[in-house]
Each structure stands twice: as structure tokens, then as C-alpha cells.
Amino acid sequence: MRPMPRLLGLALVTATLAAAAPAWAQAPAPLSFMQPLSPSATMVVQERLRDAGVYTGATDGVWGPESQTALDRFQQARGMVVTGSMNLATAQALGIGVPRLLPPPAEPAAGAAPAGSAPIALSPAAIRNVQARLRALGFYRQQADGLWGAGTQAALERFQRGRGLEPNGQINPTTAQALGLNPSNLEAPAR
């Protein structure tokens, strides 16, 4: 299986430097969330990299070494930080709107939402509950702040792996129950 590119979604950016901060101090990393690009989004990226003259491989939706090298070359040629991943700046430089890179909404798990209803984003209270449970179980070290970031995502995946669940980083009914939360109401106190 070939590695898939990751899209750096700017879910929340809260870090700023204070004006009086020392020059050597760095702002904390912005909260972000990463997900693989779908095959159709990968094809769009490959087409744009081909248009930019840095990709000669097949536009097949499969992210392989040629696609990765082309992305790195594109970022370097544009004077961008070579991150090895699709990020907002790279998407903009390629002229790709972020909605084209996002996967279609996932079908909710059985019992998670009525058929035909759109998936519901987690509220800050639900995220705090998830973070608090992960912290209580030793998977999350930060304070429960109600903001879904890379630390929460990684902690949830570690928890899922530790419980023998699919480490997809998603709150589904099975994961919610394993955390001791009510899958129908993630804002309710843990059982």
C-alpha cells in the first residue's frame, strides 16, 4: 500500500506570540487536523502538479513516490517550506480550493444518526468529554479545552489501538462506548 498525502486542515488556529515575547520564543504549533486525500482529490493534485511542470506520472489518484517528489519539487520551486504534505498554502499555490480536497461526508455508523441526516460536528462540550476521558485513561496529557487538535486526534488513535479498535481517529458508537461515553449524547457525563 502506498502512502497517501495528508491535507492539513486548519480546524483551529489559536496560537499567537505576545508582543513582548523574547525573540527565541516560538509560538505553540497551531491546532490542526490531518486526513488522507481521497483518490479524486489526489487526481486533482496530480493534474495541477502536471500543469506546473513538476509531475510526469500517471494522473491515477494513487499517491506514490512520483507524486510525493513532485509535491516536494513544487513547494521548493515556489520558495515554500517543503513539508511533504498538502497544506493550505500549497493548495492555494496550486489553485485548488480546499473543498475540492476534502472527502465527501462519511456515512454515519449504524445507530449514530438517522438515515439521510448529515453528520453532526462535535460540540466543544463533547470534545471536552472525549479529552477528559482520554486524559483519565492516560492517553491525553493536555487540559480538556474543547478544541479538536492534533493531540486529541493522536490520543484517540492510541486509545483505539490500545483497545483493539480500528485506529481511525473518529468517534463512532463503539469508540464512545469504550471511552465510557454515551454514543447518543457525547456531552453527557461519563458513566
Protein backbone atom coordinates (compact mmCIF):
# COMPACT_ATOMS: atom_id res chain seq x y z
CA MET A 1 0.00 0.00 0.00
CA ARG A 2 1.40 3.38 -0.96
CA PRO A 3 1.42 6.32 1.43
CA MET A 4 -1.35 8.84 0.94
CA PRO A 5 -0.79 12.58 1.06
CA ARG A 6 -2.25 14.37 4.00
CA LEU A 7 -4.21 17.58 3.91
CA LEU A 8 -3.50 19.93 6.74
CA GLY A 9 -6.94 21.28 7.61
CA LEU A 10 -6.84 24.44 9.59
CA ALA A 11 -9.55 23.46 12.03
CA LEU A 12 -8.44 25.93 14.66
CA VAL A 13 -5.57 28.34 14.83
CA THR A 14 -5.23 29.86 18.26
CA ALA A 15 -1.54 30.41 18.82
CA THR A 16 -0.09 33.92 18.65
CA LEU A 17 3.07 35.46 20.02
CA ALA A 18 2.81 38.19 22.61
CA ALA A 19 4.47 41.43 21.51
CA ALA A 20 6.89 41.31 24.43
CA ALA A 21 7.93 37.67 23.93
CA PRO A 22 11.66 37.03 23.63
CA ALA A 23 12.99 36.61 20.09
CA TRP A 24 13.94 32.97 20.76
CA ALA A 25 10.45 32.04 21.92
CA GLN A 26 8.27 30.29 19.40
CA ALA A 27 4.52 30.21 19.26
CA PRO A 28 2.97 26.87 20.04
CA ALA A 29 2.06 24.89 16.94
CA PRO A 30 -1.40 25.75 15.66
CA LEU A 31 -4.04 23.16 16.29
CA SER A 32 -4.65 21.19 13.15
CA PHE A 33 -6.13 18.05 11.84
CA MET A 34 -4.80 15.74 9.16
CA GLN A 35 -6.57 13.33 6.88
CA PRO A 36 -5.64 11.40 3.76
CA LEU A 37 -6.68 12.78 0.39
CA SER A 38 -9.31 10.79 -1.47
CA PRO A 39 -8.36 9.30 -4.86
CA SER A 40 -10.37 12.02 -6.65
CA ALA A 41 -8.61 14.78 -4.67
CA THR A 42 -5.27 13.09 -5.36
CA MET A 43 -6.07 13.20 -9.09
CA VAL A 44 -6.77 16.94 -8.85
CA VAL A 45 -3.41 17.49 -7.12
CA GLN A 46 -1.61 15.33 -9.69
CA GLU A 47 -3.22 17.29 -12.55
CA ARG A 48 -2.16 20.61 -11.03
CA LEU A 49 1.36 19.36 -10.38
CA ARG A 50 1.50 18.21 -14.02
CA ASP A 51 0.30 21.67 -15.14
CA ALA A 52 3.08 23.19 -13.01
CA GLY A 53 5.62 21.04 -14.86
CA VAL A 54 6.85 19.07 -11.87
CA TYR A 55 4.90 15.82 -12.32
CA THR A 56 5.19 13.36 -15.21
CA GLY A 57 3.49 10.32 -13.67
CA ALA A 58 0.00 8.99 -14.25
CA THR A 59 -2.99 11.00 -13.09
CA ASP A 60 -4.47 7.93 -11.44
CA GLY A 61 -5.43 9.02 -7.92
CA VAL A 62 -2.71 6.86 -6.37
CA TRP A 63 -0.21 8.79 -4.28
CA GLY A 64 3.17 7.24 -4.86
CA PRO A 65 6.83 8.28 -4.83
CA GLU A 66 6.49 10.27 -8.08
CA SER A 67 3.59 12.28 -6.67
CA GLN A 68 5.48 12.91 -3.43
CA THR A 69 8.62 14.02 -5.24
CA ALA A 70 6.57 16.33 -7.46
CA LEU A 71 4.87 17.91 -4.44
CA ASP A 72 8.26 18.46 -2.77
CA ARG A 73 9.66 19.97 -6.00
CA PHE A 74 6.66 22.27 -6.35
CA GLN A 75 6.97 23.53 -2.77
CA GLN A 76 10.72 24.07 -3.17
CA ALA A 77 10.35 25.86 -6.55
CA ARG A 78 7.79 28.22 -5.02
CA GLY A 79 10.06 29.06 -2.07
CA MET A 80 7.69 27.32 0.31
CA VAL A 81 8.64 25.18 3.27
CA VAL A 82 8.94 21.63 1.95
CA THR A 83 6.51 19.90 4.30
CA GLY A 84 5.95 16.69 2.38
CA SER A 85 2.20 17.21 2.75
CA MET A 86 -0.60 19.10 1.08
CA ASN A 87 -1.27 22.15 3.19
CA LEU A 88 -3.37 25.26 2.75
CA ALA A 89 -0.52 27.33 1.27
CA THR A 90 0.32 24.61 -1.26
CA ALA A 91 -3.32 24.13 -2.22
CA GLN A 92 -3.65 27.87 -2.79
CA ALA A 93 -0.42 27.99 -4.82
CA LEU A 94 -1.78 25.15 -6.97
CA GLY A 95 -5.08 27.00 -7.38
CA ILE A 96 -7.08 24.28 -5.65
CA GLY A 97 -9.91 25.25 -3.34
CA VAL A 98 -9.84 23.33 -0.08
CA PRO A 99 -13.41 21.98 -0.57
CA ARG A 100 -12.15 20.04 -3.63
CA LEU A 101 -9.59 18.31 -1.42
CA LEU A 102 -11.96 17.25 1.33
CA PRO A 103 -13.62 13.84 1.15
CA PRO A 104 -17.37 13.59 0.80
CA PRO A 105 -19.17 13.34 4.14
CA ALA A 106 -18.85 9.85 5.59
CA GLU A 107 -21.91 7.77 6.13
CA PRO A 108 -22.76 7.73 9.83
CA ALA A 109 -22.23 4.45 11.67
CA ALA A 110 -25.30 2.35 12.34
CA GLY A 111 -27.24 3.89 15.18
CA ALA A 112 -25.12 7.07 15.17
CA ALA A 113 -27.58 9.24 13.25
CA PRO A 114 -30.84 8.71 11.42
CA ALA A 115 -30.51 7.62 7.80
CA GLY A 116 -30.29 10.54 5.42
CA SER A 117 -29.19 13.03 8.07
CA ALA A 118 -25.93 14.92 7.73
CA PRO A 119 -23.08 14.07 10.12
CA ILE A 120 -23.00 16.43 13.07
CA ALA A 121 -19.78 18.13 14.15
CA LEU A 122 -18.76 17.58 17.75
CA SER A 123 -19.58 20.41 20.11
CA PRO A 124 -16.90 21.85 22.40
CA ALA A 125 -18.64 20.14 25.35
CA ALA A 126 -18.50 16.76 23.61
CA ILE A 127 -14.84 17.29 22.70
CA ARG A 128 -14.08 18.22 26.33
CA ASN A 129 -15.74 14.95 27.45
CA VAL A 130 -13.70 12.93 24.97
CA GLN A 131 -10.50 14.72 26.04
CA ALA A 132 -11.31 14.26 29.74
CA ARG A 133 -11.89 10.52 29.27
CA LEU A 134 -8.70 10.15 27.23
CA ARG A 135 -6.83 12.04 29.95
CA ALA A 136 -8.34 9.94 32.74
CA LEU A 137 -7.30 6.80 30.88
CA GLY A 138 -3.73 8.08 30.37
CA PHE A 139 -3.88 8.72 26.62
CA TYR A 140 -4.07 12.55 26.66
CA ARG A 141 -1.80 14.81 28.71
CA GLN A 142 -3.20 18.26 27.95
CA GLN A 143 -6.12 20.01 29.58
CA ALA A 144 -9.58 19.32 28.16
CA ASP A 145 -10.14 22.56 26.23
CA GLY A 146 -12.94 21.55 23.85
CA LEU A 147 -10.77 22.13 20.77
CA TRP A 148 -10.08 19.17 18.49
CA GLY A 149 -6.44 19.29 17.51
CA ALA A 150 -3.56 17.03 16.59
CA GLY A 151 -3.00 16.00 20.22
CA THR A 152 -6.62 14.91 20.66
CA GLN A 153 -6.55 13.09 17.33
CA ALA A 154 -3.35 11.21 18.18
CA ALA A 155 -4.60 10.35 21.67
CA LEU A 156 -7.84 8.95 20.29
CA GLU A 157 -5.95 6.83 17.76
CA ARG A 158 -3.64 5.50 20.53
CA PHE A 159 -6.70 4.69 22.64
CA GLN A 160 -8.35 2.87 19.74
CA ARG A 161 -5.21 0.84 19.05
CA GLY A 162 -4.90 0.01 22.75
CA ARG A 163 -8.48 -1.27 22.82
CA GLY A 164 -8.17 -3.29 19.62
CA LEU A 165 -10.44 -0.91 17.71
CA GLU A 166 -9.81 0.43 14.22
CA PRO A 167 -7.45 3.39 14.84
CA ASN A 168 -9.35 5.78 12.56
CA GLY A 169 -9.39 8.72 14.97
CA GLN A 170 -13.15 9.03 14.69
CA ILE A 171 -15.70 9.00 17.44
CA ASN A 172 -18.12 6.25 16.49
CA PRO A 173 -20.54 4.41 18.80
CA THR A 174 -18.02 1.65 19.56
CA THR A 175 -15.26 4.11 20.46
CA ALA A 176 -17.66 6.27 22.52
CA GLN A 177 -18.78 3.21 24.49
CA ALA A 178 -15.17 2.09 25.02
CA LEU A 179 -14.45 5.56 26.42
CA GLY A 180 -17.39 5.20 28.81
CA LEU A 181 -19.41 7.87 27.00
CA ASN A 182 -22.99 7.73 25.81
CA PRO A 183 -22.78 7.34 21.99
CA SER A 184 -26.15 9.10 21.66
CA ASN A 185 -25.09 12.06 23.78
CA LEU A 186 -21.35 12.73 23.92
CA GLU A 187 -22.00 15.80 26.10
CA ALA A 188 -23.41 13.65 28.92
CA PRO A 189 -21.07 12.90 31.84
CA ALA A 190 -19.07 9.68 31.57
CA ARG A 191 -20.67 6.56 33.02
